[in-house]
PDB file of N, CA and C in Angstrom:
ATOM      1  N   MET A   1     160.741 168.020  82.761  1.00  0.00           N
ATOM      2  CA  MET A   1     160.715 168.713  84.030  1.00  0.00           C
ATOM      3  C   MET A   1     162.124 168.683  84.617  1.00  0.00           C
ATOM      4  N   SER A   2     162.624 169.822  85.014  1.00  0.00           N
ATOM      5  CA  SER A   2     163.969 169.901  85.557  1.00  0.00           C
ATOM      6  C   SER A   2     163.997 169.424  87.013  1.00  0.00           C
ATOM      7  N   VAL A   3     165.189 169.178  87.507  1.00  0.00           N
ATOM      8  CA  VAL A   3     165.352 168.759  88.906  1.00  0.00           C
ATOM      9  C   VAL A   3     164.775 169.830  89.829  1.00  0.00           C
ATOM     10  N   LEU A   4     165.025 171.086  89.511  1.00  0.00           N
ATOM     11  CA  LEU A   4     164.504 172.180  90.341  1.00  0.00           C
ATOM     12  C   LEU A   4     162.975 172.184  90.330  1.00  0.00           C
ATOM     13  N   ASP A   5     162.374 171.954  89.166  1.00  0.00           N
ATOM     14  CA  ASP A   5     160.907 171.897  89.071  1.00  0.00           C
ATOM     15  C   ASP A   5     160.352 170.753  89.925  1.00  0.00           C
ATOM     16  N   ILE A   6     161.006 169.603  89.879  1.00  0.00           N
ATOM     17  CA  ILE A   6     160.563 168.448  90.663  1.00  0.00           C
ATOM     18  C   ILE A   6     160.671 168.753  92.153  1.00  0.00           C
ATOM     19  N   LYS A   7     161.795 169.325  92.567  1.00  0.00           N
ATOM     20  CA  LYS A   7     161.968 169.679  93.980  1.00  0.00           C
ATOM     21  C   LYS A   7     160.914 170.679  94.434  1.00  0.00           C
ATOM     22  N   ASN A   8     160.648 171.687  93.603  1.00  0.00           N
ATOM     23  CA  ASN A   8     159.631 172.684  93.960  1.00  0.00           C
ATOM     24  C   ASN A   8     158.252 172.050  94.082  1.00  0.00           C
ATOM     25  N   ASP A   9     157.949 171.133  93.168  1.00  0.00           N
ATOM     26  CA  ASP A   9     156.651 170.467  93.223  1.00  0.00           C
ATOM     27  C   ASP A   9     156.542 169.596  94.471  1.00  0.00           C
ATOM     28  N   LEU A  10     157.604 168.856  94.794  1.00  0.00           N
ATOM     29  CA  LEU A  10     157.603 168.043  96.017  1.00  0.00           C
ATOM     30  C   LEU A  10     157.449 168.919  97.254  1.00  0.00           C
ATOM     31  N   LEU A  11     158.162 170.032  97.270  1.00  0.00           N
ATOM     32  CA  LEU A  11     158.071 170.945  98.404  1.00  0.00           C
ATOM     33  C   LEU A  11     156.657 171.493  98.544  1.00  0.00           C
ATOM     34  N   ARG A  12     156.034 171.851  97.419  1.00  0.00           N
ATOM     35  CA  ARG A  12     154.656 172.344  97.446  1.00  0.00           C
ATOM     36  C   ARG A  12     153.715 171.291  98.027  1.00  0.00           C
ATOM     37  N   LEU A  13     153.868 170.043  97.571  1.00  0.00           N
ATOM     38  CA  LEU A  13     153.023 168.960  98.072  1.00  0.00           C
ATOM     39  C   LEU A  13     153.210 168.763  99.570  1.00  0.00           C
ATOM     40  N   LEU A  14     154.453 168.823 100.030  1.00  0.00           N
ATOM     41  CA  LEU A  14     154.728 168.667 101.460  1.00  0.00           C
ATOM     42  C   LEU A  14     154.106 169.794 102.273  1.00  0.00           C
ATOM     43  N   VAL A  15     154.261 171.019 101.793  1.00  0.00           N
ATOM     44  CA  VAL A  15     153.740 172.179 102.525  1.00  0.00           C
ATOM     45  C   VAL A  15     152.213 172.138 102.590  1.00  0.00           C
ATOM     46  N   GLU A  16     151.576 171.647 101.545  1.00  0.00           N
ATOM     47  CA  GLU A  16     150.112 171.609 101.495  1.00  0.00           C
ATOM     48  C   GLU A  16     149.522 170.440 102.281  1.00  0.00           C
ATOM     49  N   THR A  17     150.354 169.520 102.741  1.00  0.00           N
ATOM     50  CA  THR A  17     149.874 168.324 103.429  1.00  0.00           C
ATOM     51  C   THR A  17     149.978 168.508 104.939  1.00  0.00           C
ATOM     52  N   ASN A  18     148.869 168.241 105.627  1.00  0.00           N
ATOM     53  CA  ASN A  18     148.844 168.344 107.082  1.00  0.00           C
ATOM     54  C   ASN A  18     148.624 166.997 107.753  1.00  0.00           C
ATOM     55  N   ASP A  19     148.654 165.925 106.979  1.00  0.00           N
ATOM     56  CA  ASP A  19     148.447 164.585 107.505  1.00  0.00           C
ATOM     57  C   ASP A  19     149.782 164.033 108.009  1.00  0.00           C
ATOM     58  N   PRO A  20     149.965 163.949 109.335  1.00  0.00           N
ATOM     59  CA  PRO A  20     151.253 163.501 109.861  1.00  0.00           C
ATOM     60  C   PRO A  20     151.612 162.074 109.450  1.00  0.00           C
ATOM     61  N   MET A  21     150.621 161.196 109.320  1.00  0.00           N
ATOM     62  CA  MET A  21     150.890 159.815 108.904  1.00  0.00           C
ATOM     63  C   MET A  21     151.444 159.797 107.474  1.00  0.00           C
ATOM     64  N   LEU A  22     150.837 160.560 106.591  1.00  0.00           N
ATOM     65  CA  LEU A  22     151.288 160.618 105.205  1.00  0.00           C
ATOM     66  C   LEU A  22     152.693 161.202 105.130  1.00  0.00           C
ATOM     67  N   LEU A  23     152.931 162.268 105.864  1.00  0.00           N
ATOM     68  CA  LEU A  23     154.251 162.888 105.863  1.00  0.00           C
ATOM     69  C   LEU A  23     155.319 161.920 106.369  1.00  0.00           C
ATOM     70  N   GLU A  24     154.992 161.175 107.410  1.00  0.00           N
ATOM     71  CA  GLU A  24     155.957 160.215 107.959  1.00  0.00           C
ATOM     72  C   GLU A  24     156.222 159.093 106.957  1.00  0.00           C
ATOM     73  N   LYS A  25     155.165 158.628 106.271  1.00  0.00           N
ATOM     74  CA  LYS A  25     155.347 157.586 105.258  1.00  0.00           C
ATOM     75  C   LYS A  25     156.266 158.074 104.137  1.00  0.00           C
ATOM     76  N   VAL A  26     156.059 159.304 103.708  1.00  0.00           N
ATOM     77  CA  VAL A  26     156.887 159.874 102.644  1.00  0.00           C
ATOM     78  C   VAL A  26     158.330 159.993 103.122  1.00  0.00           C
ATOM     79  N   ARG A  27     158.524 160.448 104.350  1.00  0.00           N
ATOM     80  CA  ARG A  27     159.871 160.614 104.892  1.00  0.00           C
ATOM     81  C   ARG A  27     160.604 159.280 104.948  1.00  0.00           C
ATOM     82  N   LEU A  28     159.926 158.257 105.471  1.00  0.00           N
ATOM     83  CA  LEU A  28     160.549 156.941 105.578  1.00  0.00           C
ATOM     84  C   LEU A  28     160.801 156.330 104.203  1.00  0.00           C
ATOM     85  N   TYR A  29     159.867 156.531 103.279  1.00  0.00           N
ATOM     86  CA  TYR A  29     160.032 156.010 101.923  1.00  0.00           C
ATOM     87  C   TYR A  29     161.242 156.663 101.250  1.00  0.00           C
ATOM     88  N   PHE A  30     161.368 157.959 101.411  1.00  0.00           N
ATOM     89  CA  PHE A  30     162.480 158.685 100.815  1.00  0.00           C
ATOM     90  C   PHE A  30     163.812 158.225 101.416  1.00  0.00           C
ATOM     91  N   LYS A  31     163.840 158.048 102.729  1.00  0.00           N
ATOM     92  CA  LYS A  31     165.055 157.555 103.370  1.00  0.00           C
ATOM     93  C   LYS A  31     165.414 156.169 102.836  1.00  0.00           C
ATOM     94  N   ASN A  32     164.408 155.337 102.655  1.00  0.00           N
ATOM     95  CA  ASN A  32     164.629 153.991 102.127  1.00  0.00           C
ATOM     96  C   ASN A  32     165.194 154.051 100.707  1.00  0.00           C
ATOM     97  N   LEU A  33     164.632 154.919  99.880  1.00  0.00           N
ATOM     98  CA  LEU A  33     165.120 155.053  98.508  1.00  0.00           C
ATOM     99  C   LEU A  33     166.568 155.531  98.468  1.00  0.00           C
ATOM    100  N   LYS A  34     166.943 156.347  99.447  1.00  0.00           N
ATOM    101  CA  LYS A  34     168.314 156.850  99.515  1.00  0.00           C
ATOM    102  C   LYS A  34     169.228 155.879 100.255  1.00  0.00           C
ATOM    103  N   HIS A  35     168.682 154.744 100.671  1.00  0.00           N
ATOM    104  CA  HIS A  35     169.424 153.708 101.389  1.00  0.00           C
ATOM    105  C   HIS A  35     169.999 154.220 102.712  1.00  0.00           C
ATOM    106  N   GLU A  36     169.248 155.115 103.355  1.00  0.00           N
ATOM    107  CA  GLU A  36     169.656 155.595 104.672  1.00  0.00           C
ATOM    108  C   GLU A  36     169.117 154.639 105.724  1.00  0.00           C
ATOM    109  N   THR A  37     169.911 154.367 106.707  1.00  0.00           N
ATOM    110  CA  THR A  37     169.521 153.466 107.778  1.00  0.00           C
ATOM    111  C   THR A  37     168.565 154.178 108.730  1.00  0.00           C
ATOM    112  N   LEU A  38     167.497 153.475 109.094  1.00  0.00           N
ATOM    113  CA  LEU A  38     166.567 154.025 110.074  1.00  0.00           C
ATOM    114  C   LEU A  38     167.143 153.837 111.468  1.00  0.00           C
ATOM    115  N   THR A  39     166.874 154.808 112.323  1.00  0.00           N
ATOM    116  CA  THR A  39     167.319 154.676 113.708  1.00  0.00           C
ATOM    117  C   THR A  39     166.399 153.702 114.433  1.00  0.00           C
ATOM    118  N   GLU A  40     166.841 153.209 115.559  1.00  0.00           N
ATOM    119  CA  GLU A  40     166.017 152.305 116.359  1.00  0.00           C
ATOM    120  C   GLU A  40     164.707 152.987 116.757  1.00  0.00           C
ATOM    121  N   GLU A  41     164.778 154.276 117.083  1.00  0.00           N
ATOM    122  CA  GLU A  41     163.569 155.019 117.458  1.00  0.00           C
ATOM    123  C   GLU A  41     162.588 155.106 116.291  1.00  0.00           C
ATOM    124  N   GLU A  42     163.111 155.296 115.067  1.00  0.00           N
ATOM    125  CA  GLU A  42     162.244 155.365 113.895  1.00  0.00           C
ATOM    126  C   GLU A  42     161.574 154.019 113.637  1.00  0.00           C
ATOM    127  N   ILE A  43     162.321 152.955 113.807  1.00  0.00           N
ATOM    128  CA  ILE A  43     161.764 151.614 113.610  1.00  0.00           C
ATOM    129  C   ILE A  43     160.668 151.340 114.638  1.00  0.00           C
ATOM    130  N   ILE A  44     160.932 151.654 115.898  1.00  0.00           N
ATOM    131  CA  ILE A  44     159.941 151.445 116.958  1.00  0.00           C
ATOM    132  C   ILE A  44     158.697 152.277 116.689  1.00  0.00           C
ATOM    133  N   ALA A  45     158.870 153.542 116.296  1.00  0.00           N
ATOM    134  CA  ALA A  45     157.723 154.409 116.012  1.00  0.00           C
ATOM    135  C   ALA A  45     156.912 153.868 114.843  1.00  0.00           C
ATOM    136  N   GLN A  46     157.603 153.365 113.822  1.00  0.00           N
ATOM    137  CA  GLN A  46     156.909 152.799 112.662  1.00  0.00           C
ATOM    138  C   GLN A  46     156.129 151.546 113.072  1.00  0.00           C
ATOM    139  N   GLU A  47     156.728 150.697 113.881  1.00  0.00           N
ATOM    140  CA  GLU A  47     156.036 149.495 114.349  1.00  0.00           C
ATOM    141  C   GLU A  47     154.802 149.867 115.161  1.00  0.00           C
ATOM    142  N   GLU A  48     154.924 150.869 116.019  1.00  0.00           N
ATOM    143  CA  GLU A  48     153.776 151.298 116.833  1.00  0.00           C
ATOM    144  C   GLU A  48     152.650 151.834 115.957  1.00  0.00           C
ATOM    145  N   ARG A  49     152.998 152.596 114.908  1.00  0.00           N
ATOM    146  CA  ARG A  49     151.964 153.108 113.993  1.00  0.00           C
ATOM    147  C   ARG A  49     151.281 151.962 113.260  1.00  0.00           C
ATOM    148  N   MET A  50     152.064 150.960 112.862  1.00  0.00           N
ATOM    149  CA  MET A  50     151.487 149.821 112.156  1.00  0.00           C
ATOM    150  C   MET A  50     150.556 149.026 113.068  1.00  0.00           C
ATOM    151  N   ILE A  51     150.938 148.858 114.327  1.00  0.00           N
ATOM    152  CA  ILE A  51     150.088 148.162 115.289  1.00  0.00           C
ATOM    153  C   ILE A  51     148.804 148.950 115.508  1.00  0.00           C
ATOM    154  N   ASP A  52     148.917 150.265 115.691  1.00  0.00           N
ATOM    155  CA  ASP A  52     147.736 151.115 115.871  1.00  0.00           C
ATOM    156  C   ASP A  52     146.814 151.034 114.665  1.00  0.00           C
ATOM    157  N   PHE A  53     147.407 151.025 113.467  1.00  0.00           N
ATOM    158  CA  PHE A  53     146.612 150.925 112.248  1.00  0.00           C
ATOM    159  C   PHE A  53     145.855 149.597 112.221  1.00  0.00           C
ATOM    160  N   GLY A  54     146.559 148.511 112.565  1.00  0.00           N
ATOM    161  CA  GLY A  54     145.929 147.191 112.579  1.00  0.00           C
ATOM    162  C   GLY A  54     144.799 147.109 113.595  1.00  0.00           C
ATOM    163  N   LEU A  55     145.010 147.661 114.776  1.00  0.00           N
ATOM    164  CA  LEU A  55     143.963 147.653 115.797  1.00  0.00           C
ATOM    165  C   LEU A  55     142.761 148.469 115.345  1.00  0.00           C
ATOM    166  N   ASN A  56     143.023 149.580 114.665  1.00  0.00           N
ATOM    167  CA  ASN A  56     141.940 150.404 114.139  1.00  0.00           C
ATOM    168  C   ASN A  56     141.148 149.637 113.089  1.00  0.00           C
ATOM    169  N   GLN A  57     141.843 148.881 112.238  1.00  0.00           N
ATOM    170  CA  GLN A  57     141.164 148.069 111.230  1.00  0.00           C
ATOM    171  C   GLN A  57     140.278 147.011 111.895  1.00  0.00           C
ATOM    172  N   ILE A  58     140.769 146.418 112.968  1.00  0.00           N
ATOM    173  CA  ILE A  58     139.983 145.419 113.699  1.00  0.00           C
ATOM    174  C   ILE A  58     138.728 146.055 114.273  1.00  0.00           C
ATOM    175  N   GLU A  59     138.870 147.242 114.873  1.00  0.00           N
ATOM    176  CA  GLU A  59     137.720 147.940 115.452  1.00  0.00           C
ATOM    177  C   GLU A  59     136.672 148.254 114.393  1.00  0.00           C
ATOM    178  N   LYS A  60     137.101 148.508 113.152  1.00  0.00           N
ATOM    179  CA  LYS A  60     136.183 148.812 112.055  1.00  0.00           C
ATOM    180  C   LYS A  60     135.603 147.549 111.424  1.00  0.00           C
ATOM    181  N   GLY A  61     136.054 146.397 111.908  1.00  0.00           N
ATOM    182  CA  GLY A  61     135.555 145.142 111.359  1.00  0.00           C
ATOM    183  C   GLY A  61     136.219 144.746 110.054  1.00  0.00           C
ATOM    184  N   LYS A  62     137.321 145.357 109.731  1.00  0.00           N
ATOM    185  CA  LYS A  62     138.023 145.054 108.484  1.00  0.00           C
ATOM    186  C   LYS A  62     139.033 143.950 108.745  1.00  0.00           C
ATOM    187  N   THR A  63     138.520 142.737 108.891  1.00  0.00           N
ATOM    188  CA  THR A  63     139.357 141.579 109.162  1.00  0.00           C
ATOM    189  C   THR A  63     139.052 140.477 108.155  1.00  0.00           C
ATOM    190  N   MET A  64     139.911 139.461 108.142  1.00  0.00           N
ATOM    191  CA  MET A  64     139.665 138.285 107.305  1.00  0.00           C
ATOM    192  C   MET A  64     140.242 137.074 108.018  1.00  0.00           C
ATOM    193  N   SER A  65     139.762 135.920 107.608  1.00  0.00           N
ATOM    194  CA  SER A  65     140.254 134.685 108.215  1.00  0.00           C
ATOM    195  C   SER A  65     141.670 134.398 107.738  1.00  0.00           C
ATOM    196  N   HIS A  66     142.323 133.487 108.445  1.00  0.00           N
ATOM    197  CA  HIS A  66     143.676 133.077 108.068  1.00  0.00           C
ATOM    198  C   HIS A  66     143.669 132.487 106.657  1.00  0.00           C
ATOM    199  N   GLU A  67     142.649 131.699 106.351  1.00  0.00           N
ATOM    200  CA  GLU A  67     142.545 131.078 105.030  1.00  0.00           C
ATOM    201  C   GLU A  67     142.409 132.137 103.933  1.00  0.00           C
ATOM    202  N   GLU A  68     141.566 133.162 104.193  1.00  0.00           N
ATOM    203  CA  GLU A  68     141.399 134.239 103.210  1.00  0.00           C
ATOM    204  C   GLU A  68     142.721 134.981 102.990  1.00  0.00           C
ATOM    205  N   ALA A  69     143.432 135.235 104.072  1.00  0.00           N
ATOM    206  CA  ALA A  69     144.707 135.945 103.970  1.00  0.00           C
ATOM    207  C   ALA A  69     145.712 135.127 103.166  1.00  0.00           C
ATOM    208  N   ARG A  70     145.814 133.830 103.450  1.00  0.00           N
ATOM    209  CA  ARG A  70     146.739 132.967 102.710  1.00  0.00           C
ATOM    210  C   ARG A  70     146.400 132.953 101.221  1.00  0.00           C
ATOM    211  N   LYS A  71     145.107 132.898 100.908  1.00  0.00           N
ATOM    212  CA  LYS A  71     144.679 132.884  99.513  1.00  0.00           C
ATOM    213  C   LYS A  71     145.096 134.181  98.820  1.00  0.00           C
ATOM    214  N   LYS A  72     144.866 135.330  99.474  1.00  0.00           N
ATOM    215  CA  LYS A  72     145.245 136.613  98.886  1.00  0.00           C
ATOM    216  C   LYS A  72     146.753 136.714  98.693  1.00  0.00           C
ATOM    217  N   ILE A  73     147.502 136.266  99.670  1.00  0.00           N
ATOM    218  CA  ILE A  73     148.964 136.313  99.576  1.00  0.00           C
ATOM    219  C   ILE A  73     149.440 135.437  98.424  1.00  0.00           C
ATOM    220  N   ASN A  74     148.900 134.230  98.315  1.00  0.00           N
ATOM    221  CA  ASN A  74     149.298 133.330  97.224  1.00  0.00           C
ATOM    222  C   ASN A  74     148.954 133.906  95.858  1.00  0.00           C
ATOM    223  N   GLU A  75     147.779 134.540  95.742  1.00  0.00           N
ATOM    224  CA  GLU A  75     147.399 135.182  94.482  1.00  0.00           C
ATOM    225  C   GLU A  75     148.357 136.306  94.144  1.00  0.00           C
ATOM    226  N   HIS A  76     148.713 137.085  95.144  1.00  0.00           N
ATOM    227  CA  HIS A  76     149.645 138.192  94.938  1.00  0.00           C
ATOM    228  C   HIS A  76     151.016 137.672  94.493  1.00  0.00           C
ATOM    229  N   LEU A  77     151.496 136.628  95.146  1.00  0.00           N
ATOM    230  CA  LEU A  77     152.800 136.058  94.800  1.00  0.00           C
ATOM    231  C   LEU A  77     152.797 135.489  93.381  1.00  0.00           C
ATOM    232  N   LYS A  78     151.685 134.886  92.972  1.00  0.00           N
ATOM    233  CA  LYS A  78     151.576 134.360  91.611  1.00  0.00           C
ATOM    234  C   LYS A  78     151.654 135.487  90.598  1.00  0.00           C
ATOM    235  N   ARG A  79     150.992 136.631  90.879  1.00  0.00           N
ATOM    236  CA  ARG A  79     151.051 137.765  89.969  1.00  0.00           C
ATOM    237  C   ARG A  79     152.475 138.324  89.873  1.00  0.00           C
ATOM    238  N   LEU A  80     153.185 138.349  90.989  1.00  0.00           N
ATOM    239  CA  LEU A  80     154.560 138.849  90.996  1.00  0.00           C
ATOM    240  C   LEU A  80     155.502 137.934  90.222  1.00  0.00           C
ATOM    241  N   ALA A  81     155.215 136.641  90.232  1.00  0.00           N
ATOM    242  CA  ALA A  81     156.081 135.664  89.569  1.00  0.00           C
ATOM    243  C   ALA A  81     155.974 135.740  88.056  1.00  0.00           C
ATOM    244  N   LYS A  82     154.912 136.322  87.541  1.00  0.00           N
ATOM    245  CA  LYS A  82     154.704 136.388  86.083  1.00  0.00           C
ATOM    246  C   LYS A  82     155.592 137.397  85.427  1.00  0.00           C
TER     247      LYS A  82
END
């Protein structure tokens, strides 16, 4: 696949997507990959979205105890160390 084909495919995916959260995630991810510095406003907006997401998860009952979280984190770290 040529660079032009990849760009066209990415553009098609972007145009077909109407989910603002997904678009923002892609934008920030791309900026990160290009090592572009985020502005203070972008960082604040990202933090606010993450807080809103967490509060939404709490409202849906998608929570776990501190012990469960520590166990999951430790399991994840062990897998990364391999």
